């Protein structure tokens, strides 16, 4: 199941486990590629406990994670 795009202001974010393929829900010793995480998008939301973080791919080909 692909990642969903960022929600509009004021909308709810679905739980991350509802949006992840089963293979991504389990820890991966070899890691995950950023292309796989972003799935063609420039930003994705990551829920960690009660917080939501934004992972952004910049025009300088960097990744930025913000709360």
PDB file of N, CA and C in Angstrom:
ATOM      1  N   UNK A   1       0.854  -1.175   0.000  1.00  0.00           N
ATOM      2  CA  UNK A   1       0.000   0.000   0.000  1.00  0.00           C
ATOM      3  C   UNK A   1       0.893   1.229   0.000  1.00  0.00           C
ATOM      4  N   UNK A   2       0.731   2.162  -0.925  1.00  0.00           N
ATOM      5  CA  UNK A   2       1.603   3.340  -1.000  1.00  0.00           C
ATOM      6  C   UNK A   2       1.307   4.339   0.102  1.00  0.00           C
ATOM      7  N   UNK A   3       2.281   5.203   0.360  1.00  0.00           N
ATOM      8  CA  UNK A   3       2.084   6.275   1.318  1.00  0.00           C
ATOM      9  C   UNK A   3       1.027   7.226   0.785  1.00  0.00           C
ATOM     10  N   UNK A   4       0.305   7.849   1.696  1.00  0.00           N
ATOM     11  CA  UNK A   4      -0.672   8.856   1.308  1.00  0.00           C
ATOM     12  C   UNK A   4       0.010  10.210   1.275  1.00  0.00           C
ATOM     13  N   UNK A   5      -0.514  11.121   0.474  1.00  0.00           N
ATOM     14  CA  UNK A   5       0.043  12.469   0.425  1.00  0.00           C
ATOM     15  C   UNK A   5      -0.295  13.200   1.721  1.00  0.00           C
ATOM     16  N   UNK A   6       0.355  14.321   1.927  1.00  0.00           N
ATOM     17  CA  UNK A   6       0.122  15.106   3.132  1.00  0.00           C
ATOM     18  C   UNK A   6      -1.328  15.566   3.182  1.00  0.00           C
ATOM     19  N   UNK A   7      -1.957  15.490   4.358  1.00  0.00           N
ATOM     20  CA  UNK A   7      -3.350  15.902   4.461  1.00  0.00           C
ATOM     21  C   UNK A   7      -3.496  17.413   4.414  1.00  0.00           C
ATOM     22  N   UNK A   8      -4.665  17.859   4.042  1.00  0.00           N
ATOM     23  CA  UNK A   8      -4.971  19.285   4.077  1.00  0.00           C
ATOM     24  C   UNK A   8      -5.007  19.740   5.526  1.00  0.00           C
ATOM     25  N   UNK A   9      -4.824  21.003   5.754  1.00  0.00           N
ATOM     26  CA  UNK A   9      -4.819  21.556   7.099  1.00  0.00           C
ATOM     27  C   UNK A   9      -6.092  21.186   7.847  1.00  0.00           C
ATOM     28  N   UNK A  10      -5.937  20.691   9.064  1.00  0.00           N
ATOM     29  CA  UNK A  10      -7.080  20.350   9.903  1.00  0.00           C
ATOM     30  C   UNK A  10      -7.590  18.929   9.715  1.00  0.00           C
ATOM     31  N   UNK A  11      -7.085  18.197   8.722  1.00  0.00           N
ATOM     32  CA  UNK A  11      -7.570  16.832   8.522  1.00  0.00           C
ATOM     33  C   UNK A  11      -6.762  15.862   9.373  1.00  0.00           C
ATOM     34  N   UNK A  12      -7.291  14.682   9.562  1.00  0.00           N
ATOM     35  CA  UNK A  12      -6.656  13.670  10.390  1.00  0.00           C
ATOM     36  C   UNK A  12      -5.674  12.846   9.571  1.00  0.00           C
ATOM     37  N   UNK A  13      -4.615  12.354  10.219  1.00  0.00           N
ATOM     38  CA  UNK A  13      -3.638  11.483   9.582  1.00  0.00           C
ATOM     39  C   UNK A  13      -3.956  10.057  10.002  1.00  0.00           C
ATOM     40  N   UNK A  14      -4.072   9.149   9.035  1.00  0.00           N
ATOM     41  CA  UNK A  14      -4.339   7.746   9.343  1.00  0.00           C
ATOM     42  C   UNK A  14      -3.145   7.161  10.082  1.00  0.00           C
ATOM     43  N   UNK A  15      -3.384   6.208  10.976  1.00  0.00           N
ATOM     44  CA  UNK A  15      -2.262   5.565  11.671  1.00  0.00           C
ATOM     45  C   UNK A  15      -1.280   4.993  10.661  1.00  0.00           C
ATOM     46  N   UNK A  16       0.003   5.133  10.948  1.00  0.00           N
ATOM     47  CA  UNK A  16       1.040   4.702  10.031  1.00  0.00           C
ATOM     48  C   UNK A  16       0.900   3.225   9.690  1.00  0.00           C
ATOM     49  N   UNK A  17       0.523   2.388  10.658  1.00  0.00           N
ATOM     50  CA  UNK A  17       0.402   0.963  10.392  1.00  0.00           C
ATOM     51  C   UNK A  17      -0.701   0.656   9.396  1.00  0.00           C
ATOM     52  N   UNK A  18      -1.666   1.560   9.227  1.00  0.00           N
ATOM     53  CA  UNK A  18      -2.719   1.371   8.228  1.00  0.00           C
ATOM     54  C   UNK A  18      -2.218   1.669   6.827  1.00  0.00           C
ATOM     55  N   UNK A  19      -1.075   2.351   6.720  1.00  0.00           N
ATOM     56  CA  UNK A  19      -0.586   2.797   5.416  1.00  0.00           C
ATOM     57  C   UNK A  19       0.689   2.093   4.986  1.00  0.00           C
ATOM     58  N   UNK A  20       1.265   1.237   5.841  1.00  0.00           N
ATOM     59  CA  UNK A  20       2.526   0.584   5.512  1.00  0.00           C
ATOM     60  C   UNK A  20       2.320  -0.828   4.997  1.00  0.00           C
ATOM     61  N   UNK A  21       3.113  -1.229   3.996  1.00  0.00           N
ATOM     62  CA  UNK A  21       3.106  -2.644   3.627  1.00  0.00           C
ATOM     63  C   UNK A  21       3.630  -3.456   4.806  1.00  0.00           C
ATOM     64  N   UNK A  22       3.191  -4.692   4.941  1.00  0.00           N
ATOM     65  CA  UNK A  22       3.593  -5.539   6.068  1.00  0.00           C
ATOM     66  C   UNK A  22       5.113  -5.651   6.171  1.00  0.00           C
ATOM     67  N   UNK A  23       5.806  -5.707   5.041  1.00  0.00           N
ATOM     68  CA  UNK A  23       7.266  -5.839   5.051  1.00  0.00           C
ATOM     69  C   UNK A  23       7.936  -4.626   5.684  1.00  0.00           C
ATOM     70  N   UNK A  24       7.320  -3.460   5.600  1.00  0.00           N
ATOM     71  CA  UNK A  24       7.921  -2.251   6.178  1.00  0.00           C
ATOM     72  C   UNK A  24       7.611  -2.117   7.657  1.00  0.00           C
ATOM     73  N   UNK A  25       6.585  -2.770   8.158  1.00  0.00           N
ATOM     74  CA  UNK A  25       6.211  -2.655   9.559  1.00  0.00           C
ATOM     75  C   UNK A  25       7.230  -3.341  10.461  1.00  0.00           C
ATOM     76  N   UNK A  26       7.898  -4.380   9.959  1.00  0.00           N
ATOM     77  CA  UNK A  26       8.902  -5.105  10.733  1.00  0.00           C
ATOM     78  C   UNK A  26      10.260  -4.431  10.559  1.00  0.00           C
ATOM     79  N   UNK A  27      11.123  -4.496  11.590  1.00  0.00           N
ATOM     80  CA  UNK A  27      12.456  -3.907  11.458  1.00  0.00           C
ATOM     81  C   UNK A  27      13.228  -4.565  10.320  1.00  0.00           C
ATOM     82  N   UNK A  28      13.979  -3.782   9.590  1.00  0.00           N
ATOM     83  CA  UNK A  28      14.788  -4.298   8.483  1.00  0.00           C
ATOM     84  C   UNK A  28      16.257  -4.079   8.803  1.00  0.00           C
ATOM     85  N   UNK A  29      17.010  -5.152   8.907  1.00  0.00           N
ATOM     86  CA  UNK A  29      18.426  -5.047   9.251  1.00  0.00           C
ATOM     87  C   UNK A  29      19.193  -4.272   8.191  1.00  0.00           C
ATOM     88  N   UNK A  30      18.808  -4.411   6.915  1.00  0.00           N
ATOM     89  CA  UNK A  30      19.535  -3.751   5.840  1.00  0.00           C
ATOM     90  C   UNK A  30      19.062  -2.327   5.593  1.00  0.00           C
ATOM     91  N   UNK A  31      18.012  -1.895   6.230  1.00  0.00           N
ATOM     92  CA  UNK A  31      17.511  -0.535   6.072  1.00  0.00           C
ATOM     93  C   UNK A  31      16.526  -0.408   4.928  1.00  0.00           C
ATOM     94  N   UNK A  32      16.024   0.786   4.742  1.00  0.00           N
ATOM     95  CA  UNK A  32      15.062   1.081   3.684  1.00  0.00           C
ATOM     96  C   UNK A  32      15.614   2.211   2.828  1.00  0.00           C
ATOM     97  N   UNK A  33      15.325   2.163   1.538  1.00  0.00           N
ATOM     98  CA  UNK A  33      15.773   3.249   0.669  1.00  0.00           C
ATOM     99  C   UNK A  33      14.828   4.442   0.820  1.00  0.00           C
ATOM    100  N   UNK A  34      15.367   5.641   0.629  1.00  0.00           N
ATOM    101  CA  UNK A  34      14.528   6.830   0.712  1.00  0.00           C
ATOM    102  C   UNK A  34      13.499   6.827  -0.415  1.00  0.00           C
ATOM    103  N   UNK A  35      13.854   6.285  -1.582  1.00  0.00           N
ATOM    104  CA  UNK A  35      12.893   6.208  -2.685  1.00  0.00           C
ATOM    105  C   UNK A  35      11.699   5.341  -2.295  1.00  0.00           C
ATOM    106  N   UNK A  36      11.957   4.267  -1.572  1.00  0.00           N
ATOM    107  CA  UNK A  36      10.868   3.387  -1.130  1.00  0.00           C
ATOM    108  C   UNK A  36       9.983   4.097  -0.102  1.00  0.00           C
ATOM    109  N   UNK A  37      10.594   4.824   0.821  1.00  0.00           N
ATOM    110  CA  UNK A  37       9.826   5.545   1.833  1.00  0.00           C
ATOM    111  C   UNK A  37       8.995   6.672   1.227  1.00  0.00           C
ATOM    112  N   UNK A  38       9.606   7.446   0.338  1.00  0.00           N
ATOM    113  CA  UNK A  38       8.925   8.603  -0.234  1.00  0.00           C
ATOM    114  C   UNK A  38       7.977   8.221  -1.370  1.00  0.00           C
ATOM    115  N   UNK A  39       8.247   7.121  -2.047  1.00  0.00           N
ATOM    116  CA  UNK A  39       7.360   6.607  -3.093  1.00  0.00           C
ATOM    117  C   UNK A  39       7.009   7.680  -4.131  1.00  0.00           C
ATOM    118  N   UNK A  40       8.030   8.417  -4.604  1.00  0.00           N
ATOM    119  CA  UNK A  40       7.820   9.420  -5.638  1.00  0.00           C
ATOM    120  C   UNK A  40       7.343  10.771  -5.136  1.00  0.00           C
ATOM    121  N   UNK A  41       7.150  10.920  -3.841  1.00  0.00           N
ATOM    122  CA  UNK A  41       6.697  12.191  -3.276  1.00  0.00           C
ATOM    123  C   UNK A  41       7.880  12.964  -2.709  1.00  0.00           C
ATOM    124  N   UNK A  42       7.670  14.230  -2.453  1.00  0.00           N
ATOM    125  CA  UNK A  42       8.702  15.070  -1.839  1.00  0.00           C
ATOM    126  C   UNK A  42       8.593  15.055  -0.317  1.00  0.00           C
ATOM    127  N   UNK A  43       7.428  14.689   0.232  1.00  0.00           N
ATOM    128  CA  UNK A  43       7.219  14.680   1.685  1.00  0.00           C
ATOM    129  C   UNK A  43       6.340  13.505   2.084  1.00  0.00           C
ATOM    130  N   UNK A  44       6.589  12.974   3.282  1.00  0.00           N
ATOM    131  CA  UNK A  44       5.705  11.987   3.902  1.00  0.00           C
ATOM    132  C   UNK A  44       5.596  12.317   5.383  1.00  0.00           C
ATOM    133  N   UNK A  45       4.504  11.894   5.990  1.00  0.00           N
ATOM    134  CA  UNK A  45       4.319  12.056   7.429  1.00  0.00           C
ATOM    135  C   UNK A  45       4.628  10.735   8.112  1.00  0.00           C
ATOM    136  N   UNK A  46       5.288  10.834   9.270  1.00  0.00           N
ATOM    137  CA  UNK A  46       5.642   9.652  10.059  1.00  0.00           C
ATOM    138  C   UNK A  46       5.088   9.853  11.461  1.00  0.00           C
ATOM    139  N   UNK A  47       4.240   8.946  11.911  1.00  0.00           N
ATOM    140  CA  UNK A  47       3.704   9.009  13.269  1.00  0.00           C
ATOM    141  C   UNK A  47       4.622   8.210  14.188  1.00  0.00           C
ATOM    142  N   UNK A  48       5.026   8.838  15.286  1.00  0.00           N
ATOM    143  CA  UNK A  48       5.871   8.200  16.299  1.00  0.00           C
ATOM    144  C   UNK A  48       5.244   8.497  17.644  1.00  0.00           C
ATOM    145  N   UNK A  49       4.576   7.497  18.224  1.00  0.00           N
ATOM    146  CA  UNK A  49       3.843   7.720  19.468  1.00  0.00           C
ATOM    147  C   UNK A  49       2.714   8.708  19.222  1.00  0.00           C
ATOM    148  N   UNK A  50       2.681   9.766  20.006  1.00  0.00           N
ATOM    149  CA  UNK A  50       1.649  10.798  19.859  1.00  0.00           C
ATOM    150  C   UNK A  50       2.074  11.950  18.949  1.00  0.00           C
ATOM    151  N   UNK A  51       3.263  11.868  18.379  1.00  0.00           N
ATOM    152  CA  UNK A  51       3.782  12.952  17.539  1.00  0.00           C
ATOM    153  C   UNK A  51       3.753  12.567  16.065  1.00  0.00           C
ATOM    154  N   UNK A  52       3.687  13.584  15.220  1.00  0.00           N
ATOM    155  CA  UNK A  52       3.764  13.386  13.769  1.00  0.00           C
ATOM    156  C   UNK A  52       4.964  14.169  13.264  1.00  0.00           C
ATOM    157  N   UNK A  53       5.820  13.494  12.507  1.00  0.00           N
ATOM    158  CA  UNK A  53       7.012  14.100  11.933  1.00  0.00           C
ATOM    159  C   UNK A  53       6.844  14.173  10.418  1.00  0.00           C
ATOM    160  N   UNK A  54       7.523  15.133   9.804  1.00  0.00           N
ATOM    161  CA  UNK A  54       7.486  15.306   8.354  1.00  0.00           C
ATOM    162  C   UNK A  54       8.881  15.001   7.813  1.00  0.00           C
ATOM    163  N   UNK A  55       8.981  14.042   6.905  1.00  0.00           N
ATOM    164  CA  UNK A  55      10.233  13.728   6.229  1.00  0.00           C
ATOM    165  C   UNK A  55      10.171  14.367   4.852  1.00  0.00           C
ATOM    166  N   UNK A  56      11.114  15.259   4.576  1.00  0.00           N
ATOM    167  CA  UNK A  56      11.081  16.047   3.345  1.00  0.00           C
ATOM    168  C   UNK A  56      12.358  15.834   2.537  1.00  0.00           C
ATOM    169  N   UNK A  57      12.203  15.644   1.225  1.00  0.00           N
ATOM    170  CA  UNK A  57      13.331  15.541   0.301  1.00  0.00           C
ATOM    171  C   UNK A  57      13.519  16.915  -0.325  1.00  0.00           C
ATOM    172  N   UNK A  58      14.656  17.549  -0.078  1.00  0.00           N
ATOM    173  CA  UNK A  58      14.879  18.915  -0.523  1.00  0.00           C
ATOM    174  C   UNK A  58      15.382  18.969  -1.967  1.00  0.00           C
ATOM    175  N   UNK A  59      15.382  20.156  -2.528  1.00  0.00           N
ATOM    176  CA  UNK A  59      15.894  20.353  -3.886  1.00  0.00           C
ATOM    177  C   UNK A  59      17.408  20.143  -3.953  1.00  0.00           C
ATOM    178  N   UNK A  60      18.085  20.169  -2.795  1.00  0.00           N
ATOM    179  CA  UNK A  60      19.524  19.901  -2.729  1.00  0.00           C
ATOM    180  C   UNK A  60      19.821  18.431  -2.482  1.00  0.00           C
ATOM    181  N   UNK A  61      18.802  17.579  -2.654  1.00  0.00           N
ATOM    182  CA  UNK A  61      18.912  16.122  -2.495  1.00  0.00           C
ATOM    183  C   UNK A  61      19.285  15.713  -1.059  1.00  0.00           C
ATOM    184  N   UNK A  62      18.768  16.456  -0.095  1.00  0.00           N
ATOM    185  CA  UNK A  62      18.956  16.140   1.327  1.00  0.00           C
ATOM    186  C   UNK A  62      17.607  15.690   1.896  1.00  0.00           C
ATOM    187  N   UNK A  63      17.664  14.977   3.021  1.00  0.00           N
ATOM    188  CA  UNK A  63      16.450  14.609   3.749  1.00  0.00           C
ATOM    189  C   UNK A  63      16.391  15.418   5.030  1.00  0.00           C
ATOM    190  N   UNK A  64      15.217  15.978   5.327  1.00  0.00           N
ATOM    191  CA  UNK A  64      15.023  16.753   6.547  1.00  0.00           C
ATOM    192  C   UNK A  64      13.828  16.160   7.281  1.00  0.00           C
ATOM    193  N   UNK A  65      14.027  15.846   8.558  1.00  0.00           N
ATOM    194  CA  UNK A  65      12.965  15.320   9.405  1.00  0.00           C
ATOM    195  C   UNK A  65      12.622  16.393  10.432  1.00  0.00           C
ATOM    196  N   UNK A  66      11.376  16.860  10.441  1.00  0.00           N
ATOM    197  CA  UNK A  66      10.941  17.889  11.395  1.00  0.00           C
ATOM    198  C   UNK A  66       9.714  17.420  12.140  1.00  0.00           C
ATOM    199  N   UNK A  67       9.554  17.944  13.338  1.00  0.00           N
ATOM    200  CA  UNK A  67       8.390  17.618  14.162  1.00  0.00           C
ATOM    201  C   UNK A  67       7.300  18.624  13.903  1.00  0.00           C
TER     202      UNK A  67
END
